[in-house]
Protein backbone atom coordinates (compact mmCIF):
# COMPACT_ATOMS: atom_id res chain seq x y z
CA MET A 1 0.00 0.00 0.00
CA SER A 2 1.55 3.29 -1.08
CA LEU A 3 1.84 6.28 1.21
CA THR A 4 -0.71 9.08 0.67
CA ARG A 5 -1.12 12.71 1.71
CA GLU A 6 -3.97 11.65 3.98
CA ASP A 7 -1.66 9.19 5.76
CA VAL A 8 0.88 11.94 6.37
CA LEU A 9 -1.70 14.46 7.56
CA GLY A 10 -3.16 11.83 9.86
CA ALA A 11 0.25 11.21 11.42
CA LEU A 12 0.87 14.94 11.81
CA GLY A 13 -2.50 15.22 13.53
CA ALA A 14 -0.94 13.49 16.52
CA VAL A 15 1.53 16.38 16.92
CA THR A 16 0.21 19.51 18.61
CA ASP A 17 1.11 23.14 18.02
CA PRO A 18 2.02 24.32 21.55
CA ALA A 19 0.88 27.89 20.84
CA SER A 20 -2.67 27.13 19.67
CA GLY A 21 -3.13 23.68 21.15
CA GLN A 22 -4.33 22.45 17.74
CA PRO A 23 -3.01 19.50 15.72
CA LEU A 24 -0.45 20.64 13.17
CA PRO A 25 -2.71 20.24 10.10
CA ALA A 26 -5.49 22.27 11.75
CA SER A 27 -3.06 24.99 12.84
CA GLY A 28 -2.24 25.89 9.24
CA MET A 29 1.49 25.44 9.80
CA VAL A 30 1.93 22.58 7.33
CA ARG A 31 2.82 23.93 3.86
CA ALA A 32 4.06 22.56 0.53
CA LEU A 33 3.38 18.93 1.44
CA THR A 34 4.46 16.48 -1.26
CA VAL A 35 4.41 12.69 -1.19
CA GLU A 36 6.33 10.85 -3.91
CA GLY A 37 6.38 7.14 -3.27
CA GLY A 38 8.14 6.87 0.07
CA ALA A 39 9.61 10.37 -0.02
CA VAL A 40 7.76 12.99 2.03
CA ARG A 41 8.56 16.71 2.11
CA PHE A 42 6.81 19.58 3.81
CA VAL A 43 7.41 22.99 5.37
CA LEU A 44 6.39 24.14 8.84
CA GLU A 45 5.68 27.87 8.68
CA ILE A 46 6.20 29.26 12.18
CA ASP A 47 6.28 32.46 14.18
CA PRO A 48 9.95 33.62 14.09
CA ALA A 49 9.76 34.61 17.76
CA LYS A 50 9.07 30.98 18.65
CA ALA A 51 11.68 29.34 16.43
CA GLU A 52 13.65 27.79 19.30
CA ALA A 53 10.55 26.37 20.98
CA MET A 54 9.38 24.85 17.69
CA GLY A 55 12.49 22.73 17.27
CA PRO A 56 11.04 19.80 19.25
CA VAL A 57 7.79 20.12 17.30
CA ARG A 58 9.67 19.75 14.01
CA GLU A 59 11.46 16.68 15.36
CA ALA A 60 8.19 15.17 16.60
CA ALA A 61 6.55 15.80 13.22
CA GLN A 62 9.43 14.14 11.40
CA LYS A 63 9.39 11.09 13.70
CA ALA A 64 5.62 10.75 13.37
CA VAL A 65 5.84 10.59 9.58
CA GLU A 66 8.93 8.36 9.60
CA ALA A 67 6.95 5.84 11.65
CA LEU A 68 4.41 5.42 8.85
CA PRO A 69 4.62 2.19 6.81
CA GLY A 70 6.21 2.97 3.47
CA ALA A 71 7.93 6.18 4.59
CA GLU A 72 11.49 5.98 3.26
CA SER A 73 12.71 9.57 3.61
CA VAL A 74 11.17 12.55 5.37
CA SER A 75 12.32 16.15 4.94
CA VAL A 76 10.89 18.84 7.21
CA VAL A 77 11.96 22.46 6.78
CA MET A 78 10.98 25.24 9.17
CA THR A 79 10.49 28.73 7.79
CA ALA A 80 9.24 31.85 9.55
CA HIS A 81 6.33 33.88 8.31
CA SER A 82 6.85 37.59 8.37
CA THR A 83 5.73 39.92 11.08
CA PRO A 84 4.86 43.54 10.34
CA LYS A 85 8.05 45.51 9.75
CA PRO A 86 8.80 49.19 9.33
CA PRO A 87 8.66 50.33 5.71
CA PRO A 88 12.00 50.25 3.93
CA ASP A 89 14.26 53.27 3.89
CA LEU A 90 14.01 54.13 0.21
CA LYS A 91 17.24 56.12 0.29
CA SER A 92 19.28 53.09 1.30
CA ASN A 93 16.73 50.52 0.08
CA ARG A 94 17.12 48.58 3.34
CA PRO A 95 14.66 47.99 6.17
CA ALA A 96 15.18 50.36 9.06
CA ASN A 97 15.91 47.53 11.50
CA ALA A 98 18.13 45.48 9.16
CA ARG A 99 21.60 44.38 10.21
CA GLY A 100 24.45 44.46 7.76
CA PRO A 101 25.26 41.62 5.35
CA SER A 102 27.61 38.91 6.58
CA LYS A 103 30.08 36.46 5.06
CA ILE A 104 29.03 32.88 4.41
CA PRO A 105 31.42 30.59 6.31
CA GLY A 106 34.08 29.22 3.98
CA VAL A 107 32.96 31.27 0.95
CA ASP A 108 35.46 33.87 -0.23
CA ARG A 109 33.34 35.65 -2.87
CA ILE A 110 29.72 35.72 -4.01
CA LEU A 111 28.93 36.48 -7.64
CA ALA A 112 25.28 37.17 -8.44
CA VAL A 113 24.05 36.51 -11.98
CA ALA A 114 20.85 38.44 -12.61
CA SER A 115 18.51 39.69 -15.30
CA GLY A 116 15.72 42.19 -15.48
CA LYS A 117 13.39 39.75 -17.22
CA GLY A 118 13.08 36.05 -17.84
CA GLY A 119 14.07 34.18 -20.96
CA VAL A 120 17.39 35.92 -21.59
CA GLY A 121 19.56 32.89 -20.79
CA LYS A 122 20.68 33.88 -17.29
CA SER A 123 20.66 30.29 -15.98
CA THR A 124 22.61 29.05 -19.02
CA VAL A 125 25.20 31.75 -18.39
CA SER A 126 25.36 30.83 -14.68
CA ALA A 127 25.91 27.13 -15.34
CA ASN A 128 28.56 27.70 -18.01
CA LEU A 129 30.31 30.37 -15.97
CA ALA A 130 30.46 28.11 -12.90
CA ALA A 131 31.80 25.20 -14.97
CA ALA A 132 34.35 27.45 -16.69
CA LEU A 133 35.59 28.79 -13.36
CA ALA A 134 35.90 25.24 -12.02
CA ALA A 135 37.80 24.15 -15.13
CA GLY A 136 40.15 27.07 -14.50
CA GLY A 137 41.03 25.74 -11.07
CA ARG A 138 38.65 27.71 -8.87
CA LYS A 139 36.67 26.05 -6.08
CA VAL A 140 33.16 26.89 -7.23
CA GLY A 141 29.67 26.60 -5.79
CA LEU A 142 26.42 27.31 -7.63
CA LEU A 143 23.27 28.29 -5.74
CA ASP A 144 20.12 28.06 -7.83
CA ALA A 145 18.08 30.83 -6.19
CA ASP A 146 15.51 30.91 -8.99
CA VAL A 147 12.98 29.22 -6.71
CA TYR A 148 9.99 29.38 -9.06
CA GLY A 149 11.96 28.14 -12.08
CA PRO A 150 14.94 26.09 -10.87
CA SER A 151 16.85 24.74 -13.86
CA GLN A 152 20.36 24.07 -12.58
CA PRO A 153 19.75 20.39 -11.68
CA ARG A 154 18.95 19.73 -15.34
CA MET A 155 21.75 21.94 -16.70
CA LEU A 156 24.42 20.41 -14.47
CA GLY A 157 23.10 16.86 -14.79
CA VAL A 158 22.39 16.49 -11.08
CA SER A 159 19.62 14.32 -9.66
CA GLY A 160 18.69 12.84 -6.31
CA ARG A 161 17.99 14.49 -3.00
CA PRO A 162 20.55 16.30 -0.82
CA ALA A 163 21.23 14.54 2.46
CA SER A 164 20.98 16.09 5.91
CA PRO A 165 23.08 14.27 8.53
CA ASP A 166 21.59 16.09 11.52
CA GLY A 167 18.30 17.56 10.25
CA LYS A 168 19.83 21.05 10.28
CA THR A 169 22.67 21.16 7.77
CA ILE A 170 22.29 20.18 4.11
CA LEU A 171 24.92 18.41 2.03
CA PRO A 172 25.00 19.88 -1.49
CA MET A 173 25.35 17.91 -4.71
CA ARG A 174 28.36 18.05 -7.03
CA ASN A 175 29.05 17.58 -10.74
CA HIS A 176 31.49 18.93 -13.33
CA GLY A 177 33.63 20.27 -10.48
CA VAL A 178 30.80 22.49 -9.22
CA THR A 179 29.16 22.19 -5.79
CA MET A 180 25.45 22.87 -6.31
CA MET A 181 22.28 23.40 -4.33
CA SER A 182 18.80 24.05 -5.73
CA ILE A 183 15.23 23.91 -4.50
CA GLY A 184 14.70 21.90 -7.68
CA LEU A 185 16.45 18.97 -5.98
CA MET A 186 13.60 18.84 -3.46
CA THR A 187 10.68 19.01 -5.91
CA ARG A 188 9.63 17.23 -9.08
CA GLU A 189 10.48 18.94 -12.36
CA ASP A 190 6.77 19.43 -13.11
CA GLU A 191 5.83 20.54 -9.60
CA ALA A 192 5.11 24.22 -8.99
CA VAL A 193 6.57 25.93 -5.94
CA VAL A 194 3.62 27.91 -4.56
CA TRP A 195 5.25 30.00 -1.85
CA ARG A 196 4.73 33.51 -0.55
CA GLY A 197 7.57 35.98 -0.13
CA PRO A 198 8.47 35.09 3.47
CA MET A 199 8.82 31.43 2.54
CA LEU A 200 11.08 32.34 -0.37
CA MET A 201 13.29 34.43 1.88
CA GLY A 202 13.44 31.68 4.50
CA ALA A 203 14.39 29.09 1.88
CA LEU A 204 17.11 31.34 0.46
CA GLN A 205 18.61 31.97 3.89
CA GLN A 206 18.63 28.24 4.58
CA MET A 207 20.36 27.49 1.28
CA LEU A 208 22.93 30.19 2.00
CA MET A 209 23.67 29.50 5.64
CA GLN A 210 22.71 25.87 6.31
CA VAL A 211 24.31 24.22 3.29
CA GLN A 212 27.79 22.79 3.90
CA TRP A 213 29.43 24.66 1.04
CA GLY A 214 32.92 23.88 2.24
CA ALA A 215 35.83 26.12 1.24
CA LEU A 216 34.88 27.97 -1.95
CA ASP A 217 36.71 30.63 -3.93
CA VAL A 218 33.40 31.81 -5.34
CA LEU A 219 29.70 31.03 -4.98
CA VAL A 220 27.77 31.83 -8.16
CA VAL A 221 24.14 32.68 -7.39
CA ASP A 222 21.64 32.20 -10.21
CA LEU A 223 18.95 34.72 -9.27
CA PRO A 224 15.35 34.77 -10.50
CA PRO A 225 14.43 37.50 -12.99
CA GLY A 226 13.28 40.85 -11.68
CA THR A 227 13.98 42.91 -8.57
CA GLY A 228 12.04 41.15 -5.83
CA ASP A 229 12.35 39.46 -2.45
CA VAL A 230 15.13 37.02 -3.37
CA GLN A 231 17.44 39.70 -4.77
CA MET A 232 16.88 41.97 -1.77
CA THR A 233 17.37 39.15 0.74
CA LEU A 234 20.64 38.06 -0.86
CA SER A 235 21.98 41.62 -0.92
CA GLN A 236 20.94 42.33 2.67
CA LYS A 237 22.01 39.03 4.24
CA ALA A 238 25.23 38.17 2.39
CA GLU A 239 28.28 40.12 1.27
CA VAL A 240 27.92 40.02 -2.51
CA THR A 241 31.23 40.68 -4.26
CA GLY A 242 29.69 41.64 -7.57
CA ALA A 243 26.72 41.22 -9.89
CA VAL A 244 26.64 40.28 -13.57
CA ILE A 245 23.60 41.46 -15.53
CA VAL A 246 22.51 39.33 -18.50
CA SER A 247 20.36 40.83 -21.25
CA THR A 248 19.45 40.19 -24.84
CA PRO A 249 20.01 43.06 -27.31
CA GLN A 250 16.43 44.21 -27.89
CA ASP A 251 15.21 47.41 -26.28
CA VAL A 252 12.46 45.77 -24.21
CA ALA A 253 15.04 43.51 -22.51
CA LEU A 254 17.35 46.45 -21.88
CA LEU A 255 14.55 48.38 -20.21
CA ASP A 256 14.24 45.66 -17.59
CA ALA A 257 18.00 45.16 -17.35
CA ARG A 258 18.37 48.82 -16.35
CA LYS A 259 16.01 48.19 -13.43
CA GLY A 260 18.22 45.35 -12.27
CA ILE A 261 21.27 47.59 -12.54
CA ASP A 262 19.53 50.29 -10.52
CA MET A 263 18.47 47.79 -7.85
CA PHE A 264 22.03 46.52 -7.25
CA ARG A 265 23.32 50.08 -7.05
CA LYS A 266 20.69 50.92 -4.42
CA MET A 267 21.70 47.78 -2.52
CA ASN A 268 25.39 48.84 -2.70
CA VAL A 269 26.36 45.76 -4.70
CA PRO A 270 29.16 46.43 -7.23
CA LEU A 271 28.45 45.67 -10.88
CA ALA A 272 31.02 43.25 -12.26
CA GLY A 273 29.81 43.69 -15.83
CA LEU A 274 27.13 43.14 -18.46
CA ILE A 275 26.67 40.24 -20.85
CA GLU A 276 24.78 40.42 -24.13
CA ASN A 277 23.33 36.95 -24.68
CA MET A 278 21.87 35.70 -27.99
CA SER A 279 23.89 38.49 -29.56
CA THR A 280 24.17 37.03 -33.04
CA HIS A 281 23.26 33.93 -35.01
CA VAL A 282 25.56 32.29 -37.53
CA CYS A 283 23.86 29.94 -39.97
CA SER A 284 25.35 26.45 -39.67
CA LYS A 285 24.77 25.85 -43.40
CA CYS A 286 26.06 28.98 -45.13
CA GLY A 287 27.88 30.89 -42.38
CA HIS A 288 25.71 33.99 -42.74
CA GLU A 289 25.68 36.07 -39.55
CA GLU A 290 22.45 37.74 -38.53
CA HIS A 291 21.58 39.87 -35.52
CA ILE A 292 18.10 38.53 -34.91
CA PHE A 293 17.42 40.63 -31.80
CA GLY A 294 19.45 43.65 -32.82
CA HIS A 295 22.99 44.38 -31.74
CA GLY A 296 25.07 46.72 -29.64
CA GLY A 297 22.45 47.80 -27.12
CA VAL A 298 24.14 46.12 -24.15
CA ALA A 299 27.56 47.41 -25.19
CA ALA A 300 26.19 50.94 -25.35
CA GLU A 301 24.58 50.56 -21.93
CA ALA A 302 27.82 49.23 -20.42
CA ALA A 303 29.75 52.18 -21.83
CA LYS A 304 27.08 54.58 -20.57
CA ILE A 305 27.25 53.38 -16.95
CA GLY A 306 30.98 52.69 -16.96
CA VAL A 307 31.08 48.93 -16.40
CA PRO A 308 32.73 46.24 -18.54
CA LEU A 309 30.94 44.46 -21.38
CA LEU A 310 32.07 40.95 -20.47
CA ALA A 311 30.91 39.15 -23.62
CA GLU A 312 28.57 38.98 -26.58
CA ILE A 313 27.42 35.37 -26.52
CA PRO A 314 26.03 33.94 -29.76
CA LEU A 315 22.67 32.25 -30.19
CA HIS A 316 23.93 28.74 -30.92
CA LEU A 317 22.17 25.39 -30.99
CA ASP A 318 25.10 23.62 -29.30
CA ILE A 319 24.75 25.81 -26.20
CA ARG A 320 21.08 24.89 -25.84
CA VAL A 321 21.62 21.17 -26.52
CA ALA A 322 24.49 20.98 -24.03
CA SER A 323 22.48 22.68 -21.29
CA ASP A 324 19.46 20.43 -21.83
CA GLY A 325 21.76 17.41 -21.78
CA GLY A 326 23.20 18.15 -18.35
CA ALA A 327 26.73 19.08 -19.42
CA PRO A 328 27.26 22.80 -20.16
CA ILE A 329 29.12 23.49 -23.39
CA THR A 330 32.19 24.52 -21.39
CA VAL A 331 32.26 20.86 -20.25
CA SER A 332 30.89 18.97 -23.27
CA LYS A 333 32.78 20.95 -25.95
CA PRO A 334 35.53 22.80 -24.09
CA GLY A 335 37.42 23.76 -27.25
CA SER A 336 34.47 25.17 -29.17
CA PRO A 337 34.15 28.89 -29.94
CA ALA A 338 31.05 29.15 -27.73
CA ALA A 339 32.86 27.56 -24.78
CA GLU A 340 35.77 29.94 -25.27
CA VAL A 341 33.41 32.89 -24.82
CA PHE A 342 32.40 31.65 -21.37
CA ARG A 343 36.00 30.90 -20.46
CA SER A 344 36.91 34.44 -21.42
CA VAL A 345 34.18 35.80 -19.14
CA ALA A 346 35.46 33.62 -16.29
CA SER A 347 39.02 34.89 -16.79
CA LYS A 348 37.89 38.53 -16.80
CA LEU A 349 35.93 38.07 -13.57
CA VAL A 350 38.89 36.36 -11.87
CA GLU A 351 41.23 39.14 -12.97
CA ALA A 352 38.79 41.75 -11.65
CA GLY A 353 38.59 39.99 -8.28
CA ALA A 354 34.88 39.23 -8.63
CA ALA A 355 35.40 35.46 -8.92
């Protein structure tokens, strides 16, 4: 008999929320419950002021589910819902009661890869950049912070679930010389992550601070598109060495890229450079080069704001095929012209001290 959601909720009903006196399912604390065969995952959303007291409750909930017939692995994550906070100081773009960003233990530098809008190839750039840095001898980690659209497990060819030896720390996965963590390792590829902002911020902080990254020269963070909670949380909680903005050449992409640039400046995060992705297409049959999305817009923007244009990356089938196949082109075809572009970006960032 296979394990069901009802079985799990029934087991959790035997565990009581000490604050309300209600069973956990009735208290509304149980979120994002998934049951896949014998693997069970859920989140306990708690009052941050009662985090210490809720530790035994989390342990009791995990033991209750582990005792169910057919339960093979149980993952329980606690995250705190937000309490009303003072409005942000728009001049500094930080909450009035915020403490300064801190270093992640063992991580020398953090390089954020961001975009103003989706679909510009930011995750492809992140995966290839991380692999290129690793091939160049750097100790590299890759944090897939694009919680709603995690793609790094597929791009780096990583599968399986991260282990947790003590229920608190998380052991990341590793492939192609890159240490990687992603929320996508804890959900199915076709499963939507339906979380509110506070849950996103809690998950990001856990992936930053509770993952055993080890000693890294650089942690590449693949951010979601836009200028929302995840970007602000990263900038406020961790010391980000630099940010790389990825954009395609067309004006509508540049409009959003400028917002990302402005956000990092308000958050006092240095800009390491801009990348124009899908810059040109060369026909594989006749060799004709065509700028499908226009050309030169990102270079002009970089010159305007005084930051380096790190690369103009071509729109090439091999890059897409390699990423879908789980081995970035810097790994699968290291001597190809496309791979050399990413290696050049990696070298520039190392020379600039950003990676």
